[in-house]
Amino acid sequence: MTMRQLGVSIYPNSSDEKTDEQYLTKAEGFGFRRVFMSMLEAKNVSETINKFKRIIQFANNHGFQVTLDVAPRIFKALGVSYTDLNFFKELGVSVLRLDQGFDGITEANLSYNPEGIIIELNMSNNTGYLANILSYQANEPFIYGCHNFYPQIGTGLSDDFFLVCSKSFKSKGIHTAAFVSSNVGTIGPWNVNDGLPTRESDRGLPIDVQAKSLFMTGLIDDVIIGNAYASDQELENLSKLNKYKLTLGVNFVANISEVERKIVLSEPHYRRGDSNALVARSTMSRVKYRDVPNAPHDNTKEFQVGDIVVGNDDFGVYKNELQLVLQPHSDVRKNKVGAIKSAELPLLGYVYPWTKFEFVN
């Protein structure tokens, strides 16, 4: 499996160079390894090329893989041939993202460039674009995919369309990426910036929840913050998330017992394979703690979606079994011990049979 990475974006056409350097230094410290830059908004590319070169060199010196977003008009403005990418190599670019496509054979030929630059395709379409390129025997290890981001509220990809587009790339073994949005960043490529996520459903959510959701689709390898500049807290929150295992933030009830706290935070959890619609059952704790008493508490009100419950002393063999509530119901044999944070409730959709998950207080 491809190792998953985090990335940031900067916009040299409309940002302060020193601030960009400080931002990249912070991102490096938090373990970010990709940086996205765009030339699409440049009115006069030749005037800003030296600034691009300096900041790209800075990023390379700090261990980042640099992606540059271009389109056919950028090649024309720079006087660069599709058969010679040495200009971008000298600039320090590792990945060239083609925001607009060519004719298939051009992309395939570009993937064999002797400079070794990765060609990244726009994933946000449901056409035969990728199949056409691969039909020309493209150099597949040098083909990546990356979704668009959407500055205008309401225009991000729907979840269903996102999945269709992403599956078409991932099914071919293509390395993939998508964007999340900082909730404090104000800089993007255009003069409208309602955030810069790929999916509309991510707009406004905590940034780590956005990233968790993208990673848990199993279709996205790299998650990149679309706008600049993310806060230190957002960078830190992203750096701490598990890119491979679903983690859920939990708020505990005041009366949680010692054994219940241990079950929630210290035991490995996975949803049983014989799943049902009512709850996601994690059952190993009932074996380990079968002889440990667990008095009833917080068991008289109806449980709601996202509640975490543990079987109490009245639940017989199911005592100390943990369950994630998927449908409202009542059962006095279960204690409510906590609840998933409301912003993370959509993540319950990724708790499939045999899914491994853990809780964070």
Protein backbone atom coordinates (compact mmCIF):
# COMPACT_ATOMS: atom_id res chain seq x y z
CA MET A 1 0.00 0.00 0.00
CA THR A 2 1.18 3.51 -0.81
CA MET A 3 2.29 5.44 2.26
CA ARG A 4 -0.12 8.28 2.97
CA GLN A 5 1.09 11.87 3.24
CA LEU A 6 -0.07 15.33 4.27
CA GLY A 7 0.49 18.50 2.30
CA VAL A 8 -0.01 22.27 2.35
CA SER A 9 -0.57 24.87 -0.37
CA ILE A 10 1.01 28.26 -0.92
CA TYR A 11 0.31 30.89 -3.58
CA PRO A 12 3.48 32.81 -4.53
CA ASN A 13 1.52 35.12 -6.84
CA SER A 14 -0.38 36.62 -3.93
CA SER A 15 1.62 35.93 -0.79
CA ASP A 16 4.63 37.20 1.12
CA GLU A 17 7.73 35.12 0.49
CA LYS A 18 8.98 35.24 4.07
CA THR A 19 5.56 34.22 5.40
CA ASP A 20 5.52 31.29 2.96
CA GLU A 21 8.92 30.18 4.24
CA GLN A 22 7.77 30.36 7.85
CA TYR A 23 4.64 28.38 7.01
CA LEU A 24 6.60 25.66 5.23
CA THR A 25 9.04 25.43 8.13
CA LYS A 26 6.14 24.91 10.55
CA ALA A 27 4.51 22.35 8.25
CA GLU A 28 7.79 20.47 7.99
CA GLY A 29 7.97 20.27 11.77
CA PHE A 30 4.50 18.73 11.83
CA GLY A 31 5.48 16.06 9.31
CA PHE A 32 3.95 17.47 6.13
CA ARG A 33 5.73 16.30 2.98
CA ARG A 34 3.88 17.75 -0.03
CA VAL A 35 3.41 21.35 -1.10
CA PHE A 36 1.01 22.49 -3.82
CA MET A 37 1.56 25.69 -5.81
CA SER A 38 -0.46 27.11 -8.68
CA MET A 39 0.55 29.10 -11.74
CA LEU A 40 -2.98 29.25 -13.11
CA GLU A 41 -3.79 32.65 -11.65
CA ALA A 42 -0.55 34.31 -12.83
CA LYS A 43 -1.31 37.21 -15.15
CA ASN A 44 2.33 37.58 -16.13
CA VAL A 45 4.19 34.34 -15.48
CA SER A 46 7.59 35.70 -16.48
CA GLU A 47 7.39 38.43 -13.80
CA THR A 48 6.82 35.96 -10.97
CA ILE A 49 9.01 33.05 -12.11
CA ASN A 50 11.99 34.09 -9.94
CA LYS A 51 9.77 34.18 -6.86
CA PHE A 52 8.49 30.70 -7.71
CA LYS A 53 12.04 29.45 -8.16
CA ARG A 54 13.18 30.75 -4.76
CA ILE A 55 10.26 29.33 -2.78
CA ILE A 56 10.38 25.99 -4.62
CA GLN A 57 14.08 25.71 -3.83
CA PHE A 58 13.31 26.50 -0.19
CA ALA A 59 10.64 23.78 -0.16
CA ASN A 60 13.02 21.26 -1.73
CA ASN A 61 15.67 22.08 0.86
CA HIS A 62 13.13 21.28 3.58
CA GLY A 63 12.21 17.88 2.17
CA PHE A 64 8.95 18.71 0.39
CA GLN A 65 7.72 17.19 -2.84
CA VAL A 66 6.63 20.22 -4.87
CA THR A 67 3.56 20.10 -7.12
CA LEU A 68 3.00 22.90 -9.64
CA ASP A 69 -0.48 23.35 -11.14
CA VAL A 70 -0.34 24.32 -14.84
CA ALA A 71 -2.52 24.39 -17.95
CA PRO A 72 -1.79 24.55 -21.72
CA ARG A 73 -1.70 28.36 -21.68
CA ILE A 74 1.09 28.26 -19.06
CA PHE A 75 3.25 26.16 -21.39
CA LYS A 76 2.58 28.74 -24.10
CA ALA A 77 3.31 31.71 -21.84
CA LEU A 78 6.61 30.18 -20.74
CA GLY A 79 7.58 29.04 -24.22
CA VAL A 80 7.95 25.49 -22.91
CA SER A 81 7.52 22.51 -25.22
CA TYR A 82 5.52 19.47 -24.17
CA THR A 83 8.52 17.38 -25.20
CA ASP A 84 11.01 19.22 -22.99
CA LEU A 85 10.24 19.69 -19.29
CA ASN A 86 13.75 20.79 -18.36
CA PHE A 87 12.40 24.25 -17.49
CA PHE A 88 10.29 22.75 -14.70
CA LYS A 89 13.15 20.51 -13.60
CA GLU A 90 15.42 23.54 -13.19
CA LEU A 91 12.60 25.24 -11.30
CA GLY A 92 12.72 22.34 -8.81
CA VAL A 93 9.28 20.86 -9.53
CA SER A 94 8.73 17.18 -8.71
CA VAL A 95 5.09 16.90 -9.81
CA LEU A 96 3.42 18.75 -12.68
CA ARG A 97 -0.36 18.86 -12.26
CA LEU A 98 -2.32 19.31 -15.46
CA ASP A 99 -5.44 21.23 -14.47
CA GLN A 100 -6.71 20.91 -18.04
CA GLY A 101 -6.15 17.83 -20.13
CA PHE A 102 -4.67 17.38 -23.56
CA ASP A 103 -5.50 14.56 -25.96
CA GLY A 104 -4.36 11.46 -24.08
CA ILE A 105 -1.29 10.69 -26.14
CA THR A 106 0.33 13.95 -25.00
CA GLU A 107 -0.10 13.03 -21.32
CA ALA A 108 1.19 9.51 -22.04
CA ASN A 109 4.27 10.91 -23.75
CA LEU A 110 4.81 13.42 -20.95
CA SER A 111 4.95 10.57 -18.44
CA TYR A 112 8.18 9.38 -20.08
CA ASN A 113 9.93 12.74 -19.65
CA PRO A 114 13.68 12.20 -19.05
CA GLU A 115 13.59 14.74 -16.22
CA GLY A 116 11.62 12.22 -14.12
CA ILE A 117 8.82 14.66 -13.29
CA ILE A 118 5.57 13.03 -12.19
CA ILE A 119 2.54 13.97 -14.29
CA GLU A 120 -0.52 14.52 -12.12
CA LEU A 121 -3.97 14.39 -13.69
CA ASN A 122 -7.16 16.16 -12.66
CA MET A 123 -9.30 13.49 -10.95
CA SER A 124 -12.51 15.51 -10.66
CA ASN A 125 -14.19 14.13 -13.75
CA ASN A 126 -16.14 11.01 -14.63
CA THR A 127 -15.06 10.53 -18.24
CA GLY A 128 -12.78 8.16 -20.10
CA TYR A 129 -9.89 10.60 -19.60
CA LEU A 130 -7.64 8.29 -17.58
CA ALA A 131 -8.46 5.21 -19.66
CA ASN A 132 -7.60 7.14 -22.81
CA ILE A 133 -4.20 8.12 -21.41
CA LEU A 134 -3.42 4.60 -20.21
CA SER A 135 -4.45 3.19 -23.60
CA TYR A 136 -1.43 4.99 -25.04
CA GLN A 137 0.80 2.91 -22.74
CA ALA A 138 1.58 5.70 -20.30
CA ASN A 139 4.42 5.30 -17.82
CA GLU A 140 2.06 4.47 -14.95
CA PRO A 141 4.46 4.92 -11.98
CA PHE A 142 4.85 8.53 -13.15
CA ILE A 143 1.10 9.15 -13.38
CA TYR A 144 -0.60 10.60 -10.29
CA GLY A 145 -4.14 11.86 -9.79
CA CYS A 146 -5.31 14.86 -7.77
CA HIS A 147 -8.80 16.28 -7.35
CA ASN A 148 -9.74 19.92 -7.79
CA PHE A 149 -10.70 22.25 -4.96
CA TYR A 150 -13.70 24.57 -5.01
CA PRO A 151 -13.52 28.16 -3.64
CA GLN A 152 -17.24 28.90 -4.10
CA ILE A 153 -19.62 27.59 -1.46
CA GLY A 154 -21.97 24.95 -2.79
CA THR A 155 -19.78 23.95 -5.75
CA GLY A 156 -17.62 21.21 -4.22
CA LEU A 157 -18.03 17.64 -5.39
CA SER A 158 -20.93 15.62 -4.02
CA ASP A 159 -19.86 12.60 -1.98
CA ASP A 160 -21.24 10.16 -4.55
CA PHE A 161 -19.53 11.86 -7.50
CA PHE A 162 -16.28 12.07 -5.53
CA LEU A 163 -16.37 8.31 -4.93
CA VAL A 164 -17.05 7.49 -8.57
CA CYS A 165 -14.19 9.68 -9.78
CA SER A 166 -11.78 8.44 -7.13
CA LYS A 167 -12.53 4.76 -7.73
CA SER A 168 -11.75 5.11 -11.43
CA PHE A 169 -8.21 6.21 -10.53
CA LYS A 170 -7.60 4.03 -7.48
CA SER A 171 -8.79 0.90 -9.29
CA LYS A 172 -5.93 1.41 -11.74
CA GLY A 173 -3.39 1.69 -8.93
CA ILE A 174 -2.85 5.43 -9.47
CA HIS A 175 -1.50 7.50 -6.56
CA THR A 176 -4.27 9.89 -5.50
CA ALA A 177 -4.74 13.16 -3.63
CA ALA A 178 -7.59 15.46 -2.55
CA PHE A 179 -7.95 18.75 -0.71
CA VAL A 180 -9.25 19.75 2.69
CA SER A 181 -9.87 23.32 3.79
CA SER A 182 -8.49 25.35 6.67
CA ASN A 183 -11.20 27.20 8.54
CA VAL A 184 -8.96 30.24 9.05
CA GLY A 185 -7.00 30.36 5.78
CA THR A 186 -7.89 33.27 3.50
CA ILE A 187 -5.47 32.83 0.58
CA GLY A 188 -6.22 30.81 -2.54
CA PRO A 189 -5.78 31.17 -6.28
CA TRP A 190 -8.83 33.40 -6.90
CA ASN A 191 -10.55 36.40 -5.34
CA VAL A 192 -13.37 34.21 -3.99
CA ASN A 193 -12.43 32.01 -1.06
CA ASP A 194 -15.21 30.29 0.84
CA GLY A 195 -12.69 27.63 1.75
CA LEU A 196 -10.92 25.24 -0.61
CA PRO A 197 -12.14 21.66 -0.11
CA THR A 198 -12.63 19.03 -2.79
CA ARG A 199 -15.93 17.77 -1.35
CA GLU A 200 -18.74 20.13 -0.46
CA SER A 201 -19.62 18.05 2.61
CA ASP A 202 -16.21 18.87 4.10
CA ARG A 203 -16.63 22.64 3.94
CA GLY A 204 -16.67 24.11 7.46
CA LEU A 205 -15.91 20.86 9.29
CA PRO A 206 -12.87 20.65 11.60
CA ILE A 207 -9.90 20.06 9.34
CA ASP A 208 -8.88 16.78 10.98
CA VAL A 209 -12.40 15.40 10.51
CA GLN A 210 -12.20 16.30 6.81
CA ALA A 211 -8.89 14.46 6.51
CA LYS A 212 -10.03 11.42 8.47
CA SER A 213 -13.00 11.06 6.16
CA LEU A 214 -10.88 11.28 3.01
CA PHE A 215 -8.34 8.76 4.28
CA MET A 216 -11.06 6.36 5.48
CA THR A 217 -12.58 6.14 2.00
CA GLY A 218 -9.49 4.07 1.16
CA LEU A 219 -9.32 5.98 -2.12
CA ILE A 220 -7.05 8.91 -1.22
CA ASP A 221 -3.32 8.60 -0.53
CA ASP A 222 -2.43 12.24 0.12
CA VAL A 223 -4.49 14.94 1.81
CA ILE A 224 -3.49 18.54 1.04
CA ILE A 225 -4.73 21.72 2.73
CA GLY A 226 -6.08 23.77 -0.17
CA ASN A 227 -5.94 27.27 1.28
CA ALA A 228 -3.29 29.21 3.17
CA TYR A 229 -2.53 29.60 5.92
CA ALA A 230 -3.78 26.88 8.23
CA SER A 231 -3.45 27.64 11.93
CA ASP A 232 -0.81 26.02 14.10
CA GLN A 233 -3.61 24.10 15.84
CA GLU A 234 -4.95 22.79 12.53
CA LEU A 235 -1.48 21.68 11.46
CA GLU A 236 -0.96 19.96 14.80
CA ASN A 237 -4.36 18.26 14.69
CA LEU A 238 -3.65 16.87 11.24
CA SER A 239 -0.18 15.71 12.29
CA LYS A 240 -1.66 13.66 15.13
CA LEU A 241 -4.35 11.83 13.20
CA ASN A 242 -3.98 8.17 12.29
CA LYS A 243 -3.95 8.01 8.48
CA TYR A 244 -4.70 4.29 8.40
CA LYS A 245 -7.10 3.59 11.25
CA LEU A 246 -10.39 5.28 12.11
CA THR A 247 -10.15 7.37 15.28
CA LEU A 248 -13.20 8.90 16.92
CA GLY A 249 -13.19 11.75 19.43
CA VAL A 250 -15.34 11.00 22.47
CA ASN A 251 -16.92 13.04 25.26
CA PHE A 252 -17.42 10.91 28.38
CA VAL A 253 -20.34 11.03 30.80
CA ALA A 254 -19.49 12.08 34.35
CA ASN A 255 -20.39 8.68 35.86
CA ILE A 256 -18.20 6.51 33.65
CA SER A 257 -16.64 3.68 35.65
CA GLU A 258 -12.97 2.75 35.71
CA VAL A 259 -13.54 -0.44 33.77
CA GLU A 260 -15.61 1.38 31.15
CA ARG A 261 -12.89 3.99 30.66
CA LYS A 262 -10.34 1.20 30.19
CA ILE A 263 -12.59 -0.55 27.69
CA VAL A 264 -13.09 2.60 25.63
CA LEU A 265 -9.55 3.97 25.60
CA SER A 266 -7.22 1.02 26.15
CA GLU A 267 -8.76 -1.94 24.33
CA PRO A 268 -8.46 -2.62 20.58
CA HIS A 269 -11.80 -2.33 18.81
CA TYR A 270 -13.21 -3.72 15.60
CA ARG A 271 -16.77 -4.14 14.40
CA ARG A 272 -17.93 -7.73 14.36
CA GLY A 273 -18.23 -9.22 10.90
CA ASP A 274 -21.83 -10.33 11.43
CA SER A 275 -22.98 -6.73 11.51
CA ASN A 276 -26.44 -5.38 12.24
CA ALA A 277 -28.16 -2.03 11.71
CA LEU A 278 -28.68 -1.12 15.38
CA VAL A 279 -25.14 -1.00 16.80
CA ALA A 280 -21.52 -1.66 15.87
CA ARG A 281 -20.38 -4.30 18.36
CA SER A 282 -16.82 -4.57 19.73
CA THR A 283 -16.99 -7.78 21.74
CA MET A 284 -13.53 -8.75 22.96
CA SER A 285 -13.82 -6.56 26.06
CA ARG A 286 -16.67 -8.69 27.39
CA VAL A 287 -14.27 -11.66 27.42
CA LYS A 288 -11.39 -9.84 29.06
CA TYR A 289 -13.56 -8.12 31.68
CA ARG A 290 -16.26 -10.75 32.16
CA ASP A 291 -15.55 -11.03 35.90
CA VAL A 292 -15.30 -7.28 36.51
CA PRO A 293 -18.47 -5.73 38.02
CA ASN A 294 -20.12 -2.85 36.16
CA ALA A 295 -23.08 -1.28 37.94
CA PRO A 296 -25.92 0.28 35.91
CA HIS A 297 -25.81 4.05 35.30
CA ASP A 298 -26.95 6.48 32.57
CA ASN A 299 -29.23 3.76 31.21
CA THR A 300 -32.76 5.14 31.36
CA LYS A 301 -32.81 7.63 28.48
CA GLU A 302 -33.01 6.67 24.82
CA PHE A 303 -29.57 6.18 23.27
CA GLN A 304 -28.86 8.35 20.22
CA VAL A 305 -26.73 7.83 17.12
CA GLY A 306 -23.07 8.19 18.08
CA ASP A 307 -23.52 7.21 21.72
CA ILE A 308 -21.04 4.71 23.15
CA VAL A 309 -22.60 2.12 25.43
CA VAL A 310 -21.19 -0.73 27.51
CA GLY A 311 -23.17 -3.68 28.87
CA ASN A 312 -23.75 -3.47 32.63
CA ASP A 313 -24.16 -6.17 35.31
CA ASP A 314 -27.71 -6.92 34.17
CA PHE A 315 -26.65 -7.89 30.62
CA GLY A 316 -25.48 -11.43 31.39
CA VAL A 317 -22.86 -12.74 28.96
CA TYR A 318 -22.83 -9.36 27.18
CA LYS A 319 -21.61 -7.48 30.27
CA ASN A 320 -18.73 -5.10 29.34
CA GLU A 321 -19.32 -5.44 25.60
CA LEU A 322 -18.83 -2.07 23.87
CA GLN A 323 -21.29 -0.87 21.27
CA LEU A 324 -21.46 2.17 19.01
CA VAL A 325 -25.08 3.23 18.57
CA LEU A 326 -26.19 3.47 14.93
CA GLN A 327 -29.94 3.76 15.52
CA PRO A 328 -31.80 5.32 18.49
CA HIS A 329 -33.03 2.71 20.99
CA SER A 330 -33.48 2.06 24.70
CA ASP A 331 -32.05 -0.76 26.80
CA VAL A 332 -31.49 -0.49 30.56
CA ARG A 333 -28.92 -3.30 30.37
CA LYS A 334 -26.51 -0.89 28.69
CA ASN A 335 -24.75 2.11 30.22
CA LYS A 336 -24.11 5.22 28.17
CA VAL A 337 -20.43 5.99 28.76
CA GLY A 338 -19.93 8.75 26.21
CA ALA A 339 -20.74 10.05 22.76
CA ILE A 340 -18.86 10.69 19.54
CA LYS A 341 -18.22 14.39 18.94
CA SER A 342 -21.05 15.73 16.78
CA ALA A 343 -18.75 16.85 13.95
CA GLU A 344 -17.48 13.28 13.65
CA LEU A 345 -20.86 11.56 13.35
CA PRO A 346 -20.49 11.23 9.54
CA LEU A 347 -17.41 9.07 10.20
CA LEU A 348 -19.70 6.34 11.52
CA GLY A 349 -20.39 5.58 7.87
CA TYR A 350 -16.88 4.11 7.65
CA VAL A 351 -17.43 1.58 10.44
CA TYR A 352 -17.84 -1.46 8.20
CA PRO A 353 -17.76 -5.11 9.30
CA TRP A 354 -14.23 -5.82 10.62
CA THR A 355 -13.27 -2.12 10.60
CA LYS A 356 -10.64 -1.37 13.25
CA PHE A 357 -11.25 1.82 15.22
CA GLU A 358 -10.13 3.58 18.37
CA PHE A 359 -11.33 6.39 20.60
CA VAL A 360 -9.54 9.58 21.61
CA ASN A 361 -10.60 11.50 24.71
